[in-house]
Amino acid sequence: MDPHILILGAPGAGKGTQSDRIVSEFGVEHVTTGDALRANKEMDISHLDLEYDTPGEYMDQGELVPDAVVNEIVEKALSEADGYVLDGYPRNLEQAETLSEMTDLDAVLYLDVDEDVLVDRLTGRRVCEECGATYHVDFNPPEEEGVCDKCGGELYQREDDTEETARERIRVYEENTAPVVEFYDDEGRLVRIDGEQTPDEVWVDVKGAIESNA
């Protein structure tokens, strides 16, 4: 079985954790927009007649990569994968409509988590200055507060993990992606999963949803 899975959810909903488990269990590829863009920085997009001829030029300038380029890169990544879990795309309704033209999805999973819970998860993250290991003050704390278990480096809170930034990230996500969730809901393909459960409980629901839909 090589299922085609789309996983949706706000920042902090646990998409990365569940995607990793889907990859191990079903032997599919984890396709994220960020990875796909980095892997195809030099791809020739001159036929799209845009400002730049490669995705890398947008990235080097710190500019947002246009939808037309992202669509093309995602299509390439999906066509090269036997099965996949797609994470981070589609981010808006136009991309969702484009995705339905390029591939058939077996399951659309939506990790449903309340905003306050998301904020707690995002603001609790701590990262090691030395080796980059990540911890969470509630869910995965280091043995000694503020100190990395792996290398003894100092742990810090990233700027984009403050409450103000976390709420803004969630607001932007909701604004753009709520229509995407609605799109799949209207099609009767959306499987809502309670993302506030423990990661193991969420996994039971995720695995069950894939097995019954794929």
N, C-alpha and C. Protein backbone atom coordinates (compact mmCIF):
# COMPACT_ATOMS: atom_id res chain seq x y z
N MET A 1 0.86 -1.20 0.00
CA MET A 1 0.00 0.00 0.00
C MET A 1 0.89 1.25 0.00
N ASP A 2 0.70 2.12 -0.99
CA ASP A 2 1.45 3.39 -1.05
C ASP A 2 0.45 4.54 -0.97
N PRO A 3 -0.05 4.83 0.23
CA PRO A 3 -1.12 5.84 0.33
C PRO A 3 -0.65 7.25 0.00
N HIS A 4 -1.59 8.04 -0.50
CA HIS A 4 -1.37 9.47 -0.76
C HIS A 4 -2.12 10.22 0.34
N ILE A 5 -1.36 10.81 1.26
CA ILE A 5 -1.97 11.41 2.45
C ILE A 5 -1.65 12.89 2.52
N LEU A 6 -2.65 13.68 2.88
CA LEU A 6 -2.45 15.10 3.14
C LEU A 6 -2.72 15.32 4.62
N ILE A 7 -1.80 15.99 5.30
CA ILE A 7 -2.00 16.29 6.72
C ILE A 7 -2.07 17.80 6.91
N LEU A 8 -3.14 18.26 7.57
CA LEU A 8 -3.38 19.68 7.79
C LEU A 8 -3.43 19.96 9.29
N GLY A 9 -3.08 21.18 9.66
CA GLY A 9 -3.14 21.57 11.07
C GLY A 9 -2.31 22.82 11.28
N ALA A 10 -2.68 23.60 12.26
CA ALA A 10 -1.98 24.85 12.55
C ALA A 10 -0.58 24.59 13.07
N PRO A 11 0.29 25.61 13.11
CA PRO A 11 1.61 25.44 13.72
C PRO A 11 1.44 24.93 15.15
N GLY A 12 2.18 23.90 15.52
CA GLY A 12 2.07 23.35 16.87
C GLY A 12 1.05 22.23 17.00
N ALA A 13 0.35 21.89 15.91
CA ALA A 13 -0.69 20.85 15.99
C ALA A 13 -0.10 19.44 16.06
N GLY A 14 1.18 19.31 15.66
CA GLY A 14 1.82 17.98 15.73
C GLY A 14 1.95 17.29 14.39
N LYS A 15 1.90 18.06 13.31
CA LYS A 15 1.98 17.45 11.97
C LYS A 15 3.31 16.74 11.75
N GLY A 16 4.40 17.36 12.21
CA GLY A 16 5.73 16.76 12.02
C GLY A 16 5.85 15.42 12.71
N THR A 17 5.41 15.37 13.96
CA THR A 17 5.49 14.13 14.75
C THR A 17 4.70 13.02 14.08
N GLN A 18 3.47 13.33 13.67
CA GLN A 18 2.61 12.30 13.07
C GLN A 18 3.11 11.92 11.66
N SER A 19 3.64 12.89 10.94
CA SER A 19 4.18 12.60 9.60
C SER A 19 5.34 11.61 9.70
N ASP A 20 6.20 11.80 10.71
CA ASP A 20 7.34 10.88 10.89
C ASP A 20 6.84 9.45 11.13
N ARG A 21 5.77 9.33 11.91
CA ARG A 21 5.22 8.00 12.20
C ARG A 21 4.58 7.39 10.95
N ILE A 22 3.92 8.22 10.16
CA ILE A 22 3.31 7.73 8.92
C ILE A 22 4.39 7.19 7.98
N VAL A 23 5.50 7.93 7.89
CA VAL A 23 6.63 7.53 7.04
C VAL A 23 7.15 6.16 7.47
N SER A 24 7.37 5.97 8.81
CA SER A 24 7.91 4.69 9.29
C SER A 24 6.91 3.55 9.10
N GLU A 25 5.64 3.82 9.36
CA GLU A 25 4.64 2.75 9.33
C GLU A 25 4.28 2.32 7.91
N PHE A 26 4.14 3.31 7.01
CA PHE A 26 3.62 3.00 5.67
C PHE A 26 4.69 3.06 4.57
N GLY A 27 5.93 3.43 4.96
CA GLY A 27 7.01 3.45 3.98
C GLY A 27 6.84 4.47 2.88
N VAL A 28 6.18 5.60 3.20
CA VAL A 28 5.97 6.65 2.20
C VAL A 28 6.98 7.77 2.42
N GLU A 29 7.00 8.72 1.50
CA GLU A 29 7.91 9.87 1.66
C GLU A 29 7.19 11.02 2.35
N HIS A 30 7.96 11.77 3.15
CA HIS A 30 7.42 12.98 3.79
C HIS A 30 7.74 14.15 2.87
N VAL A 31 6.74 14.69 2.22
CA VAL A 31 6.95 15.81 1.29
C VAL A 31 6.51 17.10 1.96
N THR A 32 7.48 17.99 2.23
CA THR A 32 7.13 19.31 2.78
C THR A 32 7.57 20.35 1.76
N THR A 33 6.86 21.46 1.76
CA THR A 33 7.18 22.51 0.77
C THR A 33 8.60 23.01 0.95
N GLY A 34 9.01 23.20 2.21
CA GLY A 34 10.37 23.70 2.49
C GLY A 34 11.43 22.77 1.93
N ASP A 35 11.31 21.46 2.21
CA ASP A 35 12.30 20.49 1.70
C ASP A 35 12.28 20.45 0.19
N ALA A 36 11.06 20.45 -0.39
CA ALA A 36 10.93 20.36 -1.85
C ALA A 36 11.56 21.58 -2.53
N LEU A 37 11.38 22.76 -1.91
CA LEU A 37 11.99 23.98 -2.46
C LEU A 37 13.52 23.91 -2.38
N ARG A 38 14.02 23.48 -1.22
CA ARG A 38 15.48 23.40 -1.06
C ARG A 38 16.10 22.39 -2.02
N ALA A 39 15.37 21.30 -2.26
CA ALA A 39 15.90 20.25 -3.15
C ALA A 39 15.86 20.67 -4.61
N ASN A 40 15.04 21.68 -4.93
CA ASN A 40 14.87 22.09 -6.34
C ASN A 40 15.22 23.56 -6.56
N LYS A 41 16.19 24.04 -5.77
CA LYS A 41 16.56 25.46 -5.86
C LYS A 41 16.98 25.87 -7.27
N GLU A 42 17.62 24.93 -7.98
CA GLU A 42 18.17 25.27 -9.30
C GLU A 42 17.23 24.91 -10.45
N MET A 43 16.02 24.46 -10.13
CA MET A 43 15.08 24.03 -11.17
C MET A 43 14.79 25.18 -12.15
N ASP A 44 14.76 24.86 -13.43
CA ASP A 44 14.52 25.88 -14.46
C ASP A 44 13.03 26.21 -14.53
N ILE A 45 12.69 27.44 -14.16
CA ILE A 45 11.27 27.84 -14.21
C ILE A 45 11.09 29.00 -15.20
N SER A 46 12.05 29.12 -16.14
CA SER A 46 12.00 30.27 -17.07
C SER A 46 10.71 30.27 -17.91
N HIS A 47 10.14 29.05 -18.15
CA HIS A 47 8.91 28.96 -18.97
C HIS A 47 7.71 29.62 -18.27
N LEU A 48 7.83 29.86 -16.96
CA LEU A 48 6.71 30.49 -16.24
C LEU A 48 6.70 32.01 -16.44
N ASP A 49 7.82 32.52 -17.02
CA ASP A 49 7.90 33.94 -17.36
C ASP A 49 7.70 34.84 -16.13
N LEU A 50 8.42 34.51 -15.06
CA LEU A 50 8.32 35.29 -13.83
C LEU A 50 9.57 36.15 -13.66
N GLU A 51 9.70 36.78 -12.49
CA GLU A 51 10.82 37.69 -12.25
C GLU A 51 12.17 36.96 -12.30
N TYR A 52 12.21 35.74 -11.73
CA TYR A 52 13.45 34.97 -11.70
C TYR A 52 13.28 33.64 -12.43
N ASP A 53 14.41 33.02 -12.79
CA ASP A 53 14.37 31.77 -13.56
C ASP A 53 14.58 30.52 -12.73
N THR A 54 14.91 30.68 -11.43
CA THR A 54 15.03 29.51 -10.54
C THR A 54 14.39 29.86 -9.19
N PRO A 55 13.85 28.86 -8.47
CA PRO A 55 13.28 29.12 -7.14
C PRO A 55 14.32 29.68 -6.18
N GLY A 56 15.59 29.24 -6.34
CA GLY A 56 16.65 29.67 -5.44
C GLY A 56 16.84 31.17 -5.43
N GLU A 57 16.60 31.81 -6.58
CA GLU A 57 16.79 33.28 -6.64
C GLU A 57 15.79 33.99 -5.73
N TYR A 58 14.54 33.48 -5.69
CA TYR A 58 13.55 34.08 -4.77
C TYR A 58 14.01 33.89 -3.33
N MET A 59 14.50 32.66 -3.04
CA MET A 59 14.91 32.34 -1.67
C MET A 59 16.11 33.18 -1.24
N ASP A 60 17.07 33.35 -2.16
CA ASP A 60 18.26 34.15 -1.85
C ASP A 60 17.92 35.61 -1.58
N GLN A 61 16.88 36.10 -2.25
CA GLN A 61 16.45 37.49 -2.06
C GLN A 61 15.53 37.63 -0.85
N GLY A 62 15.20 36.48 -0.21
CA GLY A 62 14.28 36.51 0.93
C GLY A 62 12.86 36.81 0.53
N GLU A 63 12.54 36.56 -0.76
CA GLU A 63 11.18 36.84 -1.25
C GLU A 63 10.33 35.59 -1.20
N LEU A 64 9.02 35.81 -1.12
CA LEU A 64 8.08 34.69 -1.12
C LEU A 64 8.10 34.04 -2.50
N VAL A 65 8.21 32.72 -2.53
CA VAL A 65 8.21 32.00 -3.81
C VAL A 65 6.77 31.97 -4.33
N PRO A 66 6.53 32.43 -5.56
CA PRO A 66 5.16 32.50 -6.08
C PRO A 66 4.47 31.12 -6.12
N ASP A 67 3.14 31.16 -6.00
CA ASP A 67 2.34 29.92 -6.03
C ASP A 67 2.66 29.06 -7.24
N ALA A 68 2.81 29.69 -8.40
CA ALA A 68 3.03 28.92 -9.64
C ALA A 68 4.29 28.06 -9.53
N VAL A 69 5.32 28.60 -8.86
CA VAL A 69 6.58 27.86 -8.69
C VAL A 69 6.40 26.74 -7.66
N VAL A 70 5.77 27.08 -6.54
CA VAL A 70 5.53 26.08 -5.49
C VAL A 70 4.71 24.92 -6.06
N ASN A 71 3.68 25.25 -6.83
CA ASN A 71 2.83 24.20 -7.43
C ASN A 71 3.67 23.24 -8.28
N GLU A 72 4.54 23.81 -9.08
CA GLU A 72 5.35 23.00 -9.99
C GLU A 72 6.31 22.08 -9.22
N ILE A 73 6.90 22.64 -8.15
CA ILE A 73 7.85 21.87 -7.35
C ILE A 73 7.15 20.74 -6.60
N VAL A 74 5.97 21.05 -6.05
CA VAL A 74 5.21 20.01 -5.33
C VAL A 74 4.80 18.91 -6.30
N GLU A 75 4.36 19.30 -7.48
CA GLU A 75 3.94 18.29 -8.47
C GLU A 75 5.11 17.36 -8.81
N LYS A 76 6.30 17.94 -8.97
CA LYS A 76 7.49 17.13 -9.27
C LYS A 76 7.79 16.16 -8.12
N ALA A 77 7.75 16.68 -6.88
CA ALA A 77 8.05 15.84 -5.70
C ALA A 77 7.06 14.70 -5.57
N LEU A 78 5.77 14.98 -5.82
CA LEU A 78 4.75 13.94 -5.68
C LEU A 78 4.87 12.90 -6.78
N SER A 79 5.23 13.35 -7.98
CA SER A 79 5.31 12.42 -9.12
C SER A 79 6.49 11.45 -8.94
N GLU A 80 7.49 11.86 -8.14
CA GLU A 80 8.66 11.01 -7.93
C GLU A 80 8.52 10.10 -6.71
N ALA A 81 7.43 10.28 -5.94
CA ALA A 81 7.23 9.47 -4.72
C ALA A 81 6.22 8.36 -4.99
N ASP A 82 6.51 7.15 -4.48
CA ASP A 82 5.55 6.04 -4.63
C ASP A 82 4.31 6.33 -3.78
N GLY A 83 4.54 6.72 -2.56
CA GLY A 83 3.46 7.15 -1.68
C GLY A 83 3.99 8.32 -0.89
N TYR A 84 3.12 9.12 -0.29
CA TYR A 84 3.62 10.31 0.40
C TYR A 84 2.66 10.76 1.49
N VAL A 85 3.22 11.53 2.43
CA VAL A 85 2.42 12.35 3.33
C VAL A 85 2.85 13.78 3.04
N LEU A 86 1.89 14.58 2.59
CA LEU A 86 2.15 15.96 2.16
C LEU A 86 1.83 16.88 3.33
N ASP A 87 2.80 17.76 3.65
CA ASP A 87 2.70 18.57 4.87
C ASP A 87 3.17 19.99 4.53
N GLY A 88 2.32 20.99 4.79
CA GLY A 88 2.70 22.38 4.52
C GLY A 88 2.18 22.90 3.18
N TYR A 89 1.41 22.10 2.49
CA TYR A 89 0.81 22.48 1.20
C TYR A 89 -0.46 21.63 1.09
N PRO A 90 -1.58 22.16 0.64
CA PRO A 90 -1.81 23.52 0.15
C PRO A 90 -2.04 24.51 1.30
N ARG A 91 -1.55 25.73 1.08
CA ARG A 91 -1.70 26.78 2.10
C ARG A 91 -2.89 27.68 1.82
N ASN A 92 -3.46 27.59 0.62
CA ASN A 92 -4.63 28.42 0.30
C ASN A 92 -5.54 27.67 -0.67
N LEU A 93 -6.70 28.24 -0.92
CA LEU A 93 -7.73 27.55 -1.72
C LEU A 93 -7.25 27.29 -3.15
N GLU A 94 -6.53 28.25 -3.74
CA GLU A 94 -6.05 28.07 -5.12
C GLU A 94 -5.11 26.86 -5.19
N GLN A 95 -4.23 26.72 -4.19
CA GLN A 95 -3.31 25.59 -4.17
C GLN A 95 -4.08 24.27 -3.99
N ALA A 96 -5.14 24.30 -3.18
CA ALA A 96 -5.94 23.08 -2.96
C ALA A 96 -6.59 22.63 -4.27
N GLU A 97 -7.07 23.61 -5.04
CA GLU A 97 -7.70 23.27 -6.32
C GLU A 97 -6.66 22.74 -7.31
N THR A 98 -5.47 23.33 -7.28
CA THR A 98 -4.38 22.86 -8.14
C THR A 98 -3.97 21.45 -7.76
N LEU A 99 -3.89 21.19 -6.45
CA LEU A 99 -3.49 19.86 -5.97
C LEU A 99 -4.45 18.78 -6.47
N SER A 100 -5.75 19.11 -6.50
CA SER A 100 -6.72 18.09 -6.93
C SER A 100 -6.56 17.76 -8.42
N GLU A 101 -5.92 18.66 -9.17
CA GLU A 101 -5.66 18.39 -10.59
C GLU A 101 -4.40 17.55 -10.79
N MET A 102 -3.46 17.63 -9.81
CA MET A 102 -2.18 16.95 -10.02
C MET A 102 -2.09 15.57 -9.39
N THR A 103 -2.97 15.25 -8.43
CA THR A 103 -2.85 13.94 -7.77
C THR A 103 -4.18 13.54 -7.15
N ASP A 104 -4.31 12.26 -6.82
CA ASP A 104 -5.49 11.77 -6.10
C ASP A 104 -5.09 11.50 -4.66
N LEU A 105 -5.83 12.08 -3.73
CA LEU A 105 -5.53 11.87 -2.31
C LEU A 105 -6.37 10.73 -1.77
N ASP A 106 -5.75 9.88 -0.94
CA ASP A 106 -6.49 8.79 -0.30
C ASP A 106 -7.11 9.26 1.02
N ALA A 107 -6.37 10.11 1.74
CA ALA A 107 -6.86 10.57 3.04
C ALA A 107 -6.42 12.00 3.30
N VAL A 108 -7.36 12.81 3.81
CA VAL A 108 -7.05 14.19 4.23
C VAL A 108 -7.29 14.27 5.73
N LEU A 109 -6.20 14.40 6.49
CA LEU A 109 -6.28 14.41 7.95
C LEU A 109 -6.12 15.82 8.48
N TYR A 110 -7.00 16.20 9.40
CA TYR A 110 -6.91 17.53 10.00
C TYR A 110 -6.74 17.39 11.50
N LEU A 111 -5.56 17.81 12.01
CA LEU A 111 -5.30 17.76 13.44
C LEU A 111 -5.90 19.00 14.10
N ASP A 112 -6.99 18.79 14.81
CA ASP A 112 -7.79 19.87 15.37
C ASP A 112 -7.31 20.18 16.80
N VAL A 113 -6.80 21.39 17.01
CA VAL A 113 -6.27 21.77 18.32
C VAL A 113 -6.71 23.20 18.65
N ASP A 114 -7.16 23.42 19.88
CA ASP A 114 -7.59 24.74 20.32
C ASP A 114 -6.42 25.73 20.32
N GLU A 115 -6.71 27.01 20.05
CA GLU A 115 -5.65 28.01 19.92
C GLU A 115 -4.78 28.12 21.18
N ASP A 116 -5.41 28.12 22.37
CA ASP A 116 -4.62 28.26 23.60
C ASP A 116 -3.65 27.10 23.79
N VAL A 117 -4.09 25.90 23.39
CA VAL A 117 -3.22 24.72 23.49
C VAL A 117 -2.05 24.87 22.53
N LEU A 118 -2.34 25.36 21.31
CA LEU A 118 -1.27 25.58 20.32
C LEU A 118 -0.24 26.58 20.86
N VAL A 119 -0.73 27.66 21.48
CA VAL A 119 0.17 28.68 22.00
C VAL A 119 1.07 28.09 23.09
N ASP A 120 0.48 27.27 23.99
CA ASP A 120 1.28 26.61 25.03
C ASP A 120 2.37 25.75 24.41
N ARG A 121 2.00 25.02 23.37
CA ARG A 121 2.99 24.13 22.73
C ARG A 121 4.10 24.93 22.07
N LEU A 122 3.71 25.99 21.36
CA LEU A 122 4.71 26.76 20.61
C LEU A 122 5.63 27.55 21.54
N THR A 123 5.08 28.13 22.61
CA THR A 123 5.90 28.97 23.48
C THR A 123 6.75 28.13 24.43
N GLY A 124 6.44 26.83 24.57
CA GLY A 124 7.20 25.97 25.48
C GLY A 124 8.44 25.37 24.86
N ARG A 125 8.64 25.62 23.56
CA ARG A 125 9.79 25.00 22.88
C ARG A 125 11.10 25.70 23.29
N ARG A 126 12.14 24.89 23.51
CA ARG A 126 13.47 25.42 23.80
C ARG A 126 14.47 24.72 22.90
N VAL A 127 15.45 25.47 22.42
CA VAL A 127 16.42 24.94 21.47
C VAL A 127 17.83 25.12 22.03
N CYS A 128 18.70 24.12 21.80
CA CYS A 128 20.08 24.21 22.28
C CYS A 128 20.90 25.11 21.36
N GLU A 129 21.61 26.07 21.96
CA GLU A 129 22.46 27.00 21.18
C GLU A 129 23.60 26.26 20.48
N GLU A 130 24.07 25.18 21.11
CA GLU A 130 25.24 24.49 20.56
C GLU A 130 24.89 23.49 19.46
N CYS A 131 23.96 22.55 19.77
CA CYS A 131 23.73 21.44 18.82
C CYS A 131 22.37 21.47 18.13
N GLY A 132 21.50 22.42 18.56
CA GLY A 132 20.20 22.55 17.88
C GLY A 132 19.13 21.57 18.34
N ALA A 133 19.43 20.74 19.37
CA ALA A 133 18.42 19.79 19.88
C ALA A 133 17.23 20.58 20.42
N THR A 134 16.01 20.03 20.26
CA THR A 134 14.83 20.76 20.74
C THR A 134 14.18 20.03 21.91
N TYR A 135 13.65 20.83 22.81
CA TYR A 135 12.97 20.33 24.01
C TYR A 135 11.65 21.07 24.16
N HIS A 136 10.84 20.61 25.10
CA HIS A 136 9.62 21.34 25.44
C HIS A 136 9.49 21.34 26.95
N VAL A 137 9.18 22.51 27.52
CA VAL A 137 9.18 22.63 28.98
C VAL A 137 8.18 21.68 29.63
N ASP A 138 7.08 21.34 28.94
CA ASP A 138 6.08 20.43 29.51
C ASP A 138 6.20 19.01 28.99
N PHE A 139 6.36 18.86 27.66
CA PHE A 139 6.24 17.53 27.05
C PHE A 139 7.57 16.79 26.92
N ASN A 140 8.67 17.55 26.84
CA ASN A 140 9.96 16.89 26.65
C ASN A 140 11.06 17.73 27.31
N PRO A 141 10.95 17.89 28.65
CA PRO A 141 11.92 18.78 29.32
C PRO A 141 13.30 18.14 29.43
N PRO A 142 14.35 18.97 29.47
CA PRO A 142 15.70 18.42 29.69
C PRO A 142 15.82 17.95 31.14
N GLU A 143 16.80 17.11 31.43
CA GLU A 143 16.99 16.62 32.80
C GLU A 143 17.28 17.78 33.75
N GLU A 144 18.11 18.72 33.28
CA GLU A 144 18.40 19.91 34.09
C GLU A 144 17.85 21.12 33.35
N GLU A 145 17.06 21.94 34.04
CA GLU A 145 16.40 23.07 33.39
C GLU A 145 17.41 23.99 32.70
N GLY A 146 17.14 24.28 31.41
CA GLY A 146 17.99 25.22 30.68
C GLY A 146 19.27 24.65 30.13
N VAL A 147 19.48 23.32 30.35
CA VAL A 147 20.74 22.71 29.89
C VAL A 147 20.44 21.52 28.98
N CYS A 148 21.13 21.45 27.84
CA CYS A 148 20.91 20.37 26.87
C CYS A 148 21.44 19.04 27.41
N ASP A 149 20.60 18.00 27.33
CA ASP A 149 21.02 16.65 27.77
C ASP A 149 22.16 16.11 26.91
N LYS A 150 22.15 16.48 25.63
CA LYS A 150 23.09 15.87 24.69
C LYS A 150 24.50 16.45 24.77
N CYS A 151 24.57 17.80 24.86
CA CYS A 151 25.91 18.40 24.78
C CYS A 151 26.20 19.39 25.91
N GLY A 152 25.21 19.61 26.79
CA GLY A 152 25.45 20.55 27.90
C GLY A 152 25.32 22.01 27.50
N GLY A 153 24.88 22.25 26.25
CA GLY A 153 24.73 23.63 25.78
C GLY A 153 23.55 24.32 26.45
N GLU A 154 23.51 25.66 26.30
CA GLU A 154 22.43 26.44 26.92
C GLU A 154 21.20 26.41 26.03
N LEU A 155 20.01 26.25 26.65
CA LEU A 155 18.76 26.23 25.89
C LEU A 155 18.17 27.64 25.86
N TYR A 156 17.57 27.99 24.72
CA TYR A 156 16.96 29.32 24.61
C TYR A 156 15.63 29.22 23.88
N GLN A 157 14.82 30.27 24.03
CA GLN A 157 13.53 30.34 23.34
C GLN A 157 13.72 31.15 22.07
N ARG A 158 13.36 30.55 20.92
CA ARG A 158 13.51 31.27 19.65
C ARG A 158 12.55 32.45 19.60
N GLU A 159 12.94 33.47 18.84
CA GLU A 159 12.10 34.67 18.74
C GLU A 159 10.71 34.36 18.21
N ASP A 160 10.63 33.38 17.30
CA ASP A 160 9.30 33.08 16.74
C ASP A 160 8.49 32.14 17.63
N ASP A 161 9.00 31.87 18.85
CA ASP A 161 8.25 31.04 19.80
C ASP A 161 7.65 31.85 20.96
N THR A 162 7.69 33.18 20.87
CA THR A 162 7.05 33.99 21.91
C THR A 162 5.54 33.97 21.70
N GLU A 163 4.77 34.30 22.74
CA GLU A 163 3.30 34.21 22.64
C GLU A 163 2.76 35.10 21.52
N GLU A 164 3.27 36.33 21.45
CA GLU A 164 2.78 37.28 20.44
C GLU A 164 2.99 36.71 19.03
N THR A 165 4.19 36.19 18.78
CA THR A 165 4.51 35.65 17.46
C THR A 165 3.69 34.38 17.19
N ALA A 166 3.54 33.55 18.24
CA ALA A 166 2.78 32.31 18.08
C ALA A 166 1.34 32.62 17.68
N ARG A 167 0.72 33.58 18.36
CA ARG A 167 -0.68 33.92 18.04
C ARG A 167 -0.80 34.49 16.62
N GLU A 168 0.21 35.26 16.21
CA GLU A 168 0.19 35.83 14.85
C GLU A 168 0.34 34.71 13.81
N ARG A 169 1.24 33.75 14.07
CA ARG A 169 1.41 32.63 13.14
C ARG A 169 0.10 31.84 12.99
N ILE A 170 -0.58 31.63 14.12
CA ILE A 170 -1.84 30.88 14.09
C ILE A 170 -2.90 31.68 13.34
N ARG A 171 -2.94 33.00 13.58
CA ARG A 171 -3.93 33.85 12.91
C ARG A 171 -3.75 33.80 11.38
N VAL A 172 -2.49 33.92 10.94
CA VAL A 172 -2.19 33.88 9.50
C VAL A 172 -2.58 32.51 8.92
N TYR A 173 -2.24 31.45 9.68
CA TYR A 173 -2.59 30.10 9.23
C TYR A 173 -4.10 29.97 9.05
N GLU A 174 -4.85 30.40 10.08
CA GLU A 174 -6.32 30.27 10.04
C GLU A 174 -6.90 31.04 8.86
N GLU A 175 -6.39 32.26 8.67
CA GLU A 175 -6.91 33.12 7.60
C GLU A 175 -6.74 32.46 6.23
N ASN A 176 -5.55 31.87 6.00
CA ASN A 176 -5.26 31.29 4.69
C ASN A 176 -5.81 29.88 4.53
N THR A 177 -5.73 29.09 5.62
CA THR A 177 -5.96 27.66 5.48
C THR A 177 -7.36 27.22 5.87
N ALA A 178 -8.11 28.07 6.61
CA ALA A 178 -9.49 27.71 6.96
C ALA A 178 -10.29 27.36 5.70
N PRO A 179 -10.17 28.13 4.59
CA PRO A 179 -10.90 27.76 3.37
C PRO A 179 -10.46 26.40 2.80
N VAL A 180 -9.20 26.01 3.04
CA VAL A 180 -8.70 24.71 2.56
C VAL A 180 -9.39 23.58 3.33
N VAL A 181 -9.47 23.76 4.66
CA VAL A 181 -10.14 22.76 5.51
C VAL A 181 -11.60 22.63 5.06
N GLU A 182 -12.24 23.78 4.82
CA GLU A 182 -13.64 23.80 4.38
C GLU A 182 -13.80 23.10 3.02
N PHE A 183 -12.85 23.33 2.14
CA PHE A 183 -12.85 22.74 0.79
C PHE A 183 -12.93 21.21 0.87
N TYR A 184 -12.06 20.63 1.71
CA TYR A 184 -12.04 19.16 1.83
C TYR A 184 -13.23 18.65 2.64
N ASP A 185 -13.70 19.48 3.58
CA ASP A 185 -14.88 19.11 4.36
C ASP A 185 -16.10 19.03 3.45
N ASP A 186 -16.24 20.04 2.58
CA ASP A 186 -17.36 20.07 1.64
C ASP A 186 -17.33 18.88 0.69
N GLU A 187 -16.11 18.43 0.36
CA GLU A 187 -15.97 17.27 -0.52
C GLU A 187 -16.25 15.96 0.23
N GLY A 188 -16.39 16.07 1.56
CA GLY A 188 -16.65 14.89 2.38
C GLY A 188 -15.42 14.02 2.57
N ARG A 189 -14.23 14.63 2.43
CA ARG A 189 -12.99 13.83 2.50
C ARG A 189 -12.17 14.13 3.74
N LEU A 190 -12.61 15.11 4.51
CA LEU A 190 -11.81 15.54 5.67
C LEU A 190 -12.04 14.62 6.86
N VAL A 191 -10.95 14.12 7.45
CA VAL A 191 -11.05 13.34 8.69
C VAL A 191 -10.50 14.21 9.82
N ARG A 192 -11.39 14.64 10.70
CA ARG A 192 -10.97 15.48 11.84
C ARG A 192 -10.42 14.59 12.94
N ILE A 193 -9.25 14.92 13.44
CA ILE A 193 -8.61 14.13 14.49
C ILE A 193 -8.35 15.05 15.67
N ASP A 194 -8.69 14.59 16.87
CA ASP A 194 -8.48 15.39 18.07
C ASP A 194 -6.99 15.47 18.37
N GLY A 195 -6.39 16.59 18.00
CA GLY A 195 -4.95 16.75 18.15
C GLY A 195 -4.52 17.12 19.56
N GLU A 196 -5.50 17.23 20.48
CA GLU A 196 -5.15 17.58 21.87
C GLU A 196 -4.86 16.33 22.71
N GLN A 197 -5.05 15.15 22.13
CA GLN A 197 -4.72 13.92 22.84
C GLN A 197 -3.19 13.78 22.92
N THR A 198 -2.71 12.74 23.60
CA THR A 198 -1.27 12.49 23.62
C THR A 198 -0.85 12.08 22.21
N PRO A 199 0.44 12.26 21.85
CA PRO A 199 0.89 11.85 20.52
C PRO A 199 0.55 10.39 20.19
N ASP A 200 0.62 9.50 21.19
CA ASP A 200 0.29 8.09 20.95
C ASP A 200 -1.18 7.91 20.62
N GLU A 201 -2.05 8.64 21.34
CA GLU A 201 -3.50 8.54 21.07
C GLU A 201 -3.84 9.12 19.70
N VAL A 202 -3.17 10.24 19.37
CA VAL A 202 -3.39 10.84 18.04
C VAL A 202 -2.98 9.84 16.96
N TRP A 203 -1.85 9.15 17.19
CA TRP A 203 -1.35 8.20 16.21
C TRP A 203 -2.34 7.06 15.96
N VAL A 204 -2.99 6.58 17.01
CA VAL A 204 -4.00 5.51 16.85
C VAL A 204 -5.08 5.98 15.87
N ASP A 205 -5.55 7.22 16.05
CA ASP A 205 -6.59 7.77 15.17
C ASP A 205 -6.08 8.00 13.75
N VAL A 206 -4.84 8.49 13.65
CA VAL A 206 -4.24 8.76 12.34
C VAL A 206 -4.09 7.45 11.55
N LYS A 207 -3.52 6.46 12.20
CA LYS A 207 -3.28 5.16 11.55
C LYS A 207 -4.62 4.54 11.11
N GLY A 208 -5.61 4.61 12.00
CA GLY A 208 -6.93 4.06 11.69
C GLY A 208 -7.57 4.75 10.49
N ALA A 209 -7.42 6.08 10.46
CA ALA A 209 -8.02 6.86 9.35
C ALA A 209 -7.37 6.50 8.02
N ILE A 210 -6.03 6.32 8.04
CA ILE A 210 -5.32 5.97 6.79
C ILE A 210 -5.73 4.58 6.33
N GLU A 211 -5.76 3.63 7.27
CA GLU A 211 -6.09 2.24 6.90
C GLU A 211 -7.51 2.10 6.37
N SER A 212 -8.44 2.93 6.90
CA SER A 212 -9.81 2.78 6.43
C SER A 212 -10.09 3.58 5.16
N ASN A 213 -9.20 4.53 4.81
CA ASN A 213 -9.43 5.35 3.62
C ASN A 213 -8.53 5.01 2.44
N ALA A 214 -7.35 4.45 2.72
CA ALA A 214 -6.37 4.23 1.63
C ALA A 214 -6.58 2.87 0.99
